[in-house]
Protein backbone atom coordinates (compact mmCIF):
# COMPACT_ATOMS: atom_id res chain seq x y z
CA LEU A 1 -38.36 143.20 140.05
CA ALA A 2 -37.29 139.73 138.90
CA VAL A 3 -40.91 138.71 138.35
CA GLN A 4 -41.59 141.87 136.38
CA ALA A 5 -38.44 141.26 134.32
CA VAL A 6 -39.60 137.74 133.39
CA GLY A 7 -42.91 139.11 132.17
CA GLY A 8 -41.17 141.88 130.21
CA VAL A 9 -38.69 139.51 128.53
CA ALA A 10 -41.50 137.12 127.63
CA GLN A 11 -43.36 140.00 125.98
CA ILE A 12 -40.30 140.93 123.91
CA VAL A 13 -39.65 137.33 122.84
CA GLU A 14 -43.29 136.85 121.90
CA GLY A 15 -43.19 140.08 119.91
CA VAL A 16 -40.20 138.88 117.89
CA HIS A 17 -41.90 135.51 117.41
CA GLN A 18 -45.02 137.16 116.02
CA SER A 19 -42.96 139.45 113.79
CA VAL A 20 -41.57 136.34 112.11
CA TRP A 21 -45.07 134.85 111.78
CA ASP A 22 -46.29 138.09 110.22
CA THR A 23 -43.78 137.75 107.38
CA LEU A 24 -45.23 134.28 106.70
CA GLY A 25 -48.82 135.47 106.83
CA VAL A 26 -49.64 133.60 110.05
CA ARG A 27 -52.36 135.25 112.09
CA GLY A 28 -51.45 136.49 115.55
CA GLY A 29 -53.32 136.90 118.81
CA ALA A 30 -56.05 139.36 119.76
CA GLU A 31 -53.52 142.06 120.72
CA PRO A 32 -50.66 143.50 118.62
CA GLY A 33 -47.38 141.68 119.19
CA ARG A 34 -49.07 138.60 120.70
CA THR A 35 -49.07 135.13 119.15
CA GLY A 36 -52.16 132.97 118.79
CA GLY A 37 -53.04 129.32 119.19
CA LEU A 38 -50.84 126.94 121.17
CA THR A 39 -47.85 129.32 120.96
CA GLY A 40 -49.85 132.12 122.54
CA LEU A 41 -51.00 129.73 125.25
CA VAL A 42 -47.37 128.92 126.12
CA TYR A 43 -46.43 132.61 126.45
CA ARG A 44 -49.49 133.29 128.60
CA GLY A 45 -48.44 130.35 130.76
CA VAL A 46 -44.95 131.81 131.24
CA ARG A 47 -46.36 135.17 132.32
CA GLY A 48 -48.99 133.56 134.54
CA THR A 49 -46.43 131.33 136.24
CA ALA A 50 -44.22 134.34 136.93
CA ARG A 51 -47.14 136.25 138.47
CA TRP A 52 -48.14 133.33 140.71
CA PHE A 53 -44.53 132.86 141.77
CA GLY A 54 -44.36 136.55 142.65
CA LYS A 55 -47.52 136.36 144.76
CA GLY A 56 -46.18 133.32 146.58
CA ALA A 57 -42.89 135.05 147.26
CA ASP A 58 -44.73 138.10 148.57
CA LEU A 59 -46.70 135.97 151.05
CA LEU A 60 -43.57 134.15 152.21
CA LEU A 61 -41.54 137.34 152.63
CA ALA A 62 -44.40 139.11 154.41
CA LYS A 63 -44.25 136.49 157.18
CA SER A 64 -40.51 137.18 157.60
CA GLU A 65 -40.76 140.97 157.40
CA SER A 66 -40.30 141.54 161.12
CA ALA A 67 -37.07 139.52 161.12
CA PHE A 68 -35.71 141.48 158.14
CA ALA A 69 -36.67 144.75 159.81
CA ALA A 70 -34.73 143.79 162.95
CA VAL A 71 -31.62 143.01 160.89
CA ASN A 72 -31.88 146.25 158.93
CA ALA A 73 -32.20 148.28 162.12
CA THR A 74 -28.88 147.01 163.45
CA ALA A 75 -26.94 146.67 160.18
CA PRO A 76 -26.94 149.82 158.04
CA GLY A 77 -26.33 149.38 154.33
CA SER A 78 -22.75 149.27 153.10
CA ALA A 79 -21.36 151.82 150.66
CA ALA A 80 -21.31 149.12 147.97
CA ARG A 81 -24.99 148.30 148.52
CA GLU A 82 -25.93 151.98 148.46
CA ALA A 83 -24.02 152.40 145.18
CA VAL A 84 -25.94 149.51 143.59
CA LEU A 85 -29.25 150.98 144.78
CA ALA A 86 -28.26 154.36 143.36
CA VAL A 87 -27.67 152.83 139.92
CA LEU A 88 -30.93 150.87 140.13
CA ASN A 89 -32.83 154.03 141.00
CA GLY A 90 -31.13 155.96 138.21
CA VAL A 91 -32.23 153.44 135.60
CA LEU A 92 -35.62 152.36 137.03
CA GLY A 93 -36.33 154.88 139.78
CA ASP A 94 -39.62 156.16 138.36
CA HIS A 95 -40.90 152.59 138.03
CA LEU A 96 -39.81 151.72 141.57
CA ALA A 97 -41.59 154.79 142.95
CA ALA A 98 -44.76 154.20 140.90
CA THR A 99 -45.04 150.57 142.03
CA GLY A 100 -44.31 151.32 145.70
CA ASN A 101 -41.14 149.23 145.64
CA PRO A 102 -39.17 149.66 148.90
CA LEU A 103 -35.95 149.80 146.87
CA ALA A 104 -36.98 153.26 145.66
CA THR A 105 -34.82 156.00 147.18
CA THR A 106 -36.65 158.74 149.05
CA MET A 107 -35.23 162.24 149.09
CA SER A 108 -33.36 163.22 152.24
CA LEU A 109 -30.90 165.84 153.43
CA ARG A 110 -27.97 164.36 155.33
CA HIS A 111 -25.35 165.75 157.69
CA ARG A 112 -22.46 163.55 158.77
CA CYS A 113 -24.12 160.58 157.01
CA VAL A 114 -27.30 160.96 159.08
CA GLY A 115 -30.65 162.06 157.69
CA ILE A 116 -31.73 165.38 159.18
CA ASP A 117 -35.30 165.53 157.89
CA SER A 118 -36.71 163.95 161.04
CA ALA A 119 -33.79 164.27 163.46
CA GLU A 120 -31.89 167.08 165.08
CA VAL A 121 -28.81 168.31 163.28
CA ALA A 122 -25.61 167.15 164.93
CA ALA A 123 -23.78 170.14 166.46
CA PRO A 124 -21.70 172.12 165.94
CA VAL A 125 -22.99 173.88 162.83
CA THR A 126 -22.35 177.27 161.27
CA ALA A 127 -24.60 179.89 159.72
CA LYS A 128 -23.15 179.05 156.28
CA VAL A 129 -24.71 175.94 154.71
CA LEU A 130 -23.19 174.18 151.70
CA LEU A 131 -25.59 171.87 149.86
CA MET A 132 -23.98 169.04 147.86
CA VAL A 133 -26.18 167.59 145.07
CA HIS A 134 -24.99 164.40 143.34
CA GLY A 135 -25.62 163.28 139.78
CA LEU A 136 -27.42 160.48 137.93
CA CYS A 137 -27.09 156.92 139.33
CA MET A 138 -25.11 158.22 142.31
CA ASN A 139 -25.65 158.97 146.00
CA ASP A 140 -24.34 161.33 148.66
CA LEU A 141 -21.58 158.94 149.80
CA GLN A 142 -19.88 159.17 146.43
CA TRP A 143 -18.72 162.74 146.96
CA ARG A 144 -15.98 161.03 148.95
CA THR A 145 -13.53 159.78 146.35
CA ARG A 146 -9.84 159.16 145.70
CA HIS A 147 -7.39 161.19 143.67
CA GLU A 148 -3.87 159.81 143.36
CA ASP A 149 -4.30 157.71 146.52
CA LEU A 150 -5.61 160.69 148.50
CA VAL A 151 -9.18 160.68 149.83
CA SER A 152 -11.05 163.87 149.03
CA ASP A 153 -14.52 165.31 149.48
CA HIS A 154 -15.34 168.72 148.02
CA GLY A 155 -17.81 169.32 150.85
CA GLU A 156 -15.17 168.77 153.52
CA THR A 157 -12.59 170.81 151.60
CA LEU A 158 -14.88 173.84 151.32
CA SER A 159 -15.98 173.40 154.92
CA ALA A 160 -12.38 173.56 156.17
CA ALA A 161 -11.45 176.50 153.97
CA LEU A 162 -14.56 178.69 154.27
CA ASP A 163 -16.37 177.61 157.46
CA TYR A 164 -19.32 175.96 155.69
CA THR A 165 -21.44 173.21 157.20
CA PRO A 166 -21.87 170.66 154.40
CA VAL A 167 -25.30 169.08 153.91
CA TYR A 168 -25.61 166.27 151.37
CA LEU A 169 -28.71 165.53 149.31
CA ARG A 170 -29.73 161.95 148.50
CA TYR A 171 -32.50 161.53 145.93
CA ASN A 172 -34.03 159.18 143.36
CA THR A 173 -32.33 160.19 140.12
CA GLY A 174 -34.79 158.17 138.03
CA LEU A 175 -37.64 160.61 138.71
CA HIS A 176 -38.27 163.60 136.50
CA VAL A 177 -35.84 166.44 137.23
CA SER A 178 -38.75 168.81 137.83
CA ARG A 179 -40.27 166.48 140.44
CA ASN A 180 -36.96 166.29 142.28
CA GLY A 181 -36.68 170.07 141.96
CA ARG A 182 -40.04 170.61 143.67
CA ASP A 183 -39.19 168.14 146.42
CA LEU A 184 -35.80 169.76 146.96
CA SER A 185 -37.39 173.20 147.23
CA SER A 186 -39.71 171.87 149.96
CA ALA A 187 -36.79 170.16 151.74
CA LEU A 188 -34.77 173.39 151.73
CA GLU A 189 -37.74 175.27 153.13
CA ARG A 190 -37.82 172.88 156.08
CA LEU A 191 -34.05 173.08 156.46
CA VAL A 192 -34.04 176.86 156.72
CA ALA A 193 -36.89 176.77 159.22
CA THR A 194 -35.29 174.15 161.51
CA TRP A 195 -31.56 174.92 161.26
CA PRO A 196 -30.14 175.42 164.79
CA VAL A 197 -28.81 178.91 163.98
CA PRO A 198 -30.13 181.55 161.56
CA ILE A 199 -28.75 180.82 158.10
CA GLU A 200 -26.73 183.68 156.68
CA GLU A 201 -25.67 181.97 153.46
CA LEU A 202 -26.76 178.95 151.43
CA SER A 203 -24.43 177.83 148.64
CA VAL A 204 -24.66 174.78 146.39
CA VAL A 205 -22.19 172.50 144.63
CA ALA A 206 -23.97 170.29 142.09
CA HIS A 207 -22.51 167.54 139.90
CA SER A 208 -23.99 166.53 136.53
CA MET A 209 -27.79 166.00 136.79
CA GLY A 210 -27.64 167.64 140.22
CA GLY A 211 -27.14 170.99 138.49
CA LEU A 212 -30.44 170.58 136.63
CA VAL A 213 -32.16 169.61 139.89
CA ILE A 214 -31.01 172.75 141.75
CA ARG A 215 -31.99 174.95 138.78
CA SER A 216 -35.41 173.29 138.84
CA ALA A 217 -35.64 173.86 142.62
CA CYS A 218 -34.86 177.56 142.11
CA HIS A 219 -37.51 177.76 139.39
CA SER A 220 -40.05 176.15 141.74
CA ALA A 221 -39.06 178.45 144.64
CA GLU A 222 -39.40 181.59 142.53
CA ARG A 223 -42.81 180.48 141.29
CA ASP A 224 -44.01 179.74 144.85
CA ALA A 225 -42.15 182.67 146.50
CA SER A 226 -40.38 180.27 148.87
CA PRO A 227 -38.30 182.16 151.50
CA TRP A 228 -35.30 179.78 151.31
CA ARG A 229 -34.47 181.26 147.93
CA ASN A 230 -33.49 184.53 149.66
CA HIS A 231 -30.57 182.78 151.39
CA LEU A 232 -29.03 181.40 148.18
CA ARG A 233 -25.70 183.05 147.31
CA HIS A 234 -23.66 180.70 145.09
CA ILE A 235 -24.18 177.69 142.81
CA VAL A 236 -21.22 175.80 141.36
CA PHE A 237 -22.14 173.47 138.50
CA LEU A 238 -19.71 170.59 137.87
CA GLY A 239 -20.18 169.02 134.43
CA THR A 240 -23.91 169.81 134.27
CA PRO A 241 -25.59 169.03 130.90
CA HIS A 242 -27.45 172.36 130.72
CA HIS A 243 -28.27 171.75 127.04
CA GLY A 244 -28.51 167.99 127.23
CA ALA A 245 -26.24 164.97 126.83
CA PRO A 246 -25.55 163.24 123.50
CA LEU A 247 -25.70 159.72 124.93
CA GLU A 248 -29.40 160.10 125.73
CA ARG A 249 -30.05 161.57 122.29
CA ALA A 250 -28.24 158.57 120.79
CA GLY A 251 -30.41 156.25 122.89
CA ASN A 252 -33.53 157.95 121.58
CA TRP A 253 -32.25 157.60 118.02
CA LEU A 254 -31.67 153.87 118.65
CA ASP A 255 -35.25 153.51 119.91
CA THR A 256 -36.51 155.01 116.66
CA LEU A 257 -34.25 152.80 114.55
CA LEU A 258 -35.34 149.60 116.31
CA ALA A 259 -39.03 150.53 116.16
CA GLY A 260 -38.79 151.10 112.40
CA MET A 261 -38.12 147.45 111.51
CA PRO A 262 -40.67 144.66 112.16
CA TRP A 263 -38.22 142.10 113.50
CA THR A 264 -36.46 144.52 115.85
CA ALA A 265 -39.49 146.58 116.94
CA PRO A 266 -40.08 144.47 120.10
CA PHE A 267 -36.53 145.25 121.26
CA ALA A 268 -37.42 148.95 121.37
CA LEU A 269 -39.20 148.09 124.63
CA LEU A 270 -35.79 147.48 126.23
CA GLY A 271 -34.70 151.04 125.49
CA LYS A 272 -37.94 152.39 126.91
CA VAL A 273 -37.20 150.83 130.28
CA ARG A 274 -34.90 153.76 131.08
CA SER A 275 -36.19 156.23 133.60
CA ALA A 276 -37.80 159.65 133.26
CA GLY A 277 -34.71 161.18 134.82
CA ILE A 278 -32.53 159.81 132.04
CA THR A 279 -34.83 161.01 129.25
CA ASP A 280 -34.84 164.49 130.82
CA LEU A 281 -31.12 164.60 130.06
CA ARG A 282 -31.80 164.57 126.32
CA HIS A 283 -32.39 168.32 126.29
CA GLY A 284 -31.69 169.32 129.90
CA HIS A 285 -35.33 169.62 130.97
CA VAL A 286 -36.00 171.31 134.34
CA ARG A 287 -39.72 172.20 134.14
CA ASP A 288 -42.91 170.11 134.27
CA GLU A 289 -44.02 171.80 131.06
CA ASP A 290 -41.03 170.31 129.22
CA TRP A 291 -42.44 166.79 129.46
CA HIS A 292 -46.03 166.93 130.73
CA GLY A 293 -48.53 165.69 128.15
CA ARG A 294 -45.78 164.41 125.83
CA ASP A 295 -44.46 160.97 125.03
CA ARG A 296 -40.99 161.26 126.55
CA PHE A 297 -39.63 158.84 123.93
CA ASP A 298 -41.01 160.87 121.00
CA PRO A 299 -38.02 161.73 118.78
CA SER A 300 -39.63 164.81 117.23
CA PRO A 301 -37.92 168.16 118.00
CA VAL A 302 -39.00 169.99 121.14
CA ALA A 303 -39.51 173.76 121.29
CA ARG A 304 -37.21 174.50 124.21
CA VAL A 305 -37.80 177.21 126.76
CA VAL A 306 -34.61 177.72 128.73
CA VAL A 307 -34.98 178.61 132.41
CA PRO A 308 -32.43 181.38 133.07
CA LEU A 309 -29.90 181.18 135.86
CA PRO A 310 -31.40 182.35 139.17
CA ALA A 311 -31.22 186.11 139.55
CA GLY A 312 -29.06 187.52 142.32
CA VAL A 313 -27.04 184.30 142.65
CA ALA A 314 -23.39 183.98 141.67
CA CYS A 315 -23.45 181.00 139.29
CA HIS A 316 -20.23 179.25 138.28
CA ALA A 317 -19.71 176.52 135.65
CA VAL A 318 -16.92 173.95 135.63
CA ALA A 319 -16.59 171.92 132.42
CA ALA A 320 -14.21 169.02 131.87
CA THR A 321 -12.60 167.73 128.71
CA ALA A 322 -10.20 164.94 127.96
CA ALA A 323 -8.51 167.24 125.44
CA THR A 324 -5.56 169.52 126.17
CA ARG A 325 -7.18 172.66 124.68
CA ARG A 326 -10.41 173.93 123.19
CA GLY A 327 -11.31 173.33 119.55
CA PRO A 328 -14.22 172.10 117.39
CA ALA A 329 -13.53 168.45 118.20
CA ALA A 330 -12.95 169.07 121.90
CA ASP A 331 -16.09 171.19 122.23
CA ARG A 332 -18.50 169.00 120.28
CA LEU A 333 -17.14 165.46 120.28
CA ILE A 334 -14.74 164.85 123.14
CA GLY A 335 -16.02 166.67 126.22
CA ASP A 336 -15.66 164.82 129.50
CA GLY A 337 -16.93 161.52 128.08
CA LEU A 338 -20.57 162.19 129.00
CA VAL A 339 -21.25 165.92 128.74
CA PRO A 340 -20.04 168.15 125.87
CA LEU A 341 -17.92 171.13 126.85
CA ARG A 342 -20.36 173.74 125.52
CA SER A 343 -23.33 172.14 127.28
CA ALA A 344 -21.48 172.22 130.63
CA LEU A 345 -20.58 175.91 130.07
CA GLY A 346 -24.16 176.82 129.09
CA GLU A 347 -23.06 177.87 125.60
CA HIS A 348 -25.42 177.50 122.63
CA GLU A 349 -25.52 178.46 118.96
CA GLU A 350 -28.84 180.25 119.54
CA SER A 351 -28.31 183.29 121.72
CA ASP A 352 -31.74 183.05 123.38
CA LEU A 353 -30.87 179.56 124.67
CA GLU A 354 -27.46 180.47 126.11
CA LEU A 355 -27.05 180.69 129.87
CA ALA A 356 -25.54 183.92 131.11
CA PHE A 357 -22.51 182.71 133.06
CA ALA A 358 -20.04 185.54 133.62
CA LYS A 359 -16.74 185.01 131.83
CA ARG A 360 -14.82 184.83 135.13
CA SER A 361 -17.31 182.22 136.34
CA ARG A 362 -16.49 179.69 133.61
CA TRP A 363 -13.60 177.33 134.11
CA ILE A 364 -12.37 174.31 132.14
CA ALA A 365 -10.61 171.30 133.63
CA TYR A 366 -8.42 169.84 130.87
CA ARG A 367 -7.36 166.19 130.72
CA THR A 368 -10.23 165.42 133.09
CA ASN A 369 -13.25 163.16 132.66
CA HIS A 370 -16.75 163.49 134.08
CA MET A 371 -16.16 161.50 137.26
CA GLN A 372 -12.72 162.98 137.96
CA LEU A 373 -14.43 166.32 138.62
CA LEU A 374 -15.45 164.88 142.01
CA GLY A 375 -11.90 164.44 143.27
CA SER A 376 -9.86 166.98 141.35
CA PRO A 377 -7.80 169.26 143.64
CA ASP A 378 -7.70 171.83 140.82
CA VAL A 379 -11.49 171.96 140.81
CA ALA A 380 -11.48 172.31 144.60
CA ARG A 381 -9.04 175.24 144.45
CA GLN A 382 -11.16 176.98 141.81
CA MET A 383 -14.28 176.59 143.94
CA VAL A 384 -12.51 178.00 146.99
CA GLU A 385 -11.50 181.02 144.92
CA TRP A 386 -15.05 181.58 143.67
CA LEU A 387 -16.71 181.13 147.07
CA THR A 388 -14.24 183.20 149.09
CA PRO A 389 -15.93 186.50 150.04
CA ARG A 390 -14.45 189.43 148.17
CA ARG A 391 -13.37 192.33 150.31
CA ARG A 392 -14.98 195.61 149.46
CA THR A 393 -12.57 198.51 149.54
CA ALA A 394 -13.96 201.97 150.02
CA ARG A 395 -13.08 204.53 147.40
CA VAL A 396 -10.98 207.40 148.71
CA ARG A 397 -11.87 210.76 147.25
CA ARG A 398 -8.94 213.02 146.60
């Protein structure tokens, strides 16, 4: 990654250099954004030196690989290291996966901090499975958080209250949402087939981007007629940007602004480093068709096709806002700091784009930011209320 960064920075600097030369009428190199003559030779030397250094480092590290593997086998990664890797994957995860970088996170389902894709599930388990899906630049360990000096985990809270067995998803948040959705659908198919007891209920709690991933997984399962979809009963969305997040739209606007001026155009490359997962958040994309065949940095409007909430599933939306009550500013500008209130509730000015959450299945956490949703006891109580089975009382005929 360091070697690739040196080459990328050199390209940006050379691009700025040539932009200045262009204003003076000095001819550049054979390719756009490249300098010519002795200056071009210097930049080629920088990139070439970086590549040779990288190859040398690869050879040296390859000889020590067995020693590193032995250390890794006995010393699992710390929570701090896993958090750094989660951020790295969120920003560059598609690049890491495409280049075969071992820092790329692979999708796994985890129970009691142990992957269960290739190992037996630690007993005891119940017939009610609760899937926890984290958000962008995060991992499964970060469901465990602090609120006013108390450690909390929504998975453990719901497990204690409603007899669920929590299963935590870990995935590369830098990949396209639709790719993660397909992979999650396949993982859930294997989970249902190998769970120690027949699954009676599968429910999901998803934070932020995780809500788009589970919606994409449902879309994939319905298209492929995957049997796991028949077990799904509830989905709780916590601060999910169903209609996109303004920060990504602002980033796209900045790309366009930088690219429009000769001296700043090379810096637009920095903005385009961000991952496919991040650009999917611009409009809340969950399908392959939303991005396939398109330049994902193209600022032109996209004709959106909204995937409806999965049929036959009780879907619940929790939105957060730093405000004390709803209003134009709170809904459009304040939100939870990352996701607008209306986007988290599935609301939209165009009726055909609105998600059909039942009124009783929408809940707002006031004076709460995006990350505080993970540890809020009020959010936990609301989820317990939603997920508690309702007793059916027989009607007595008089």
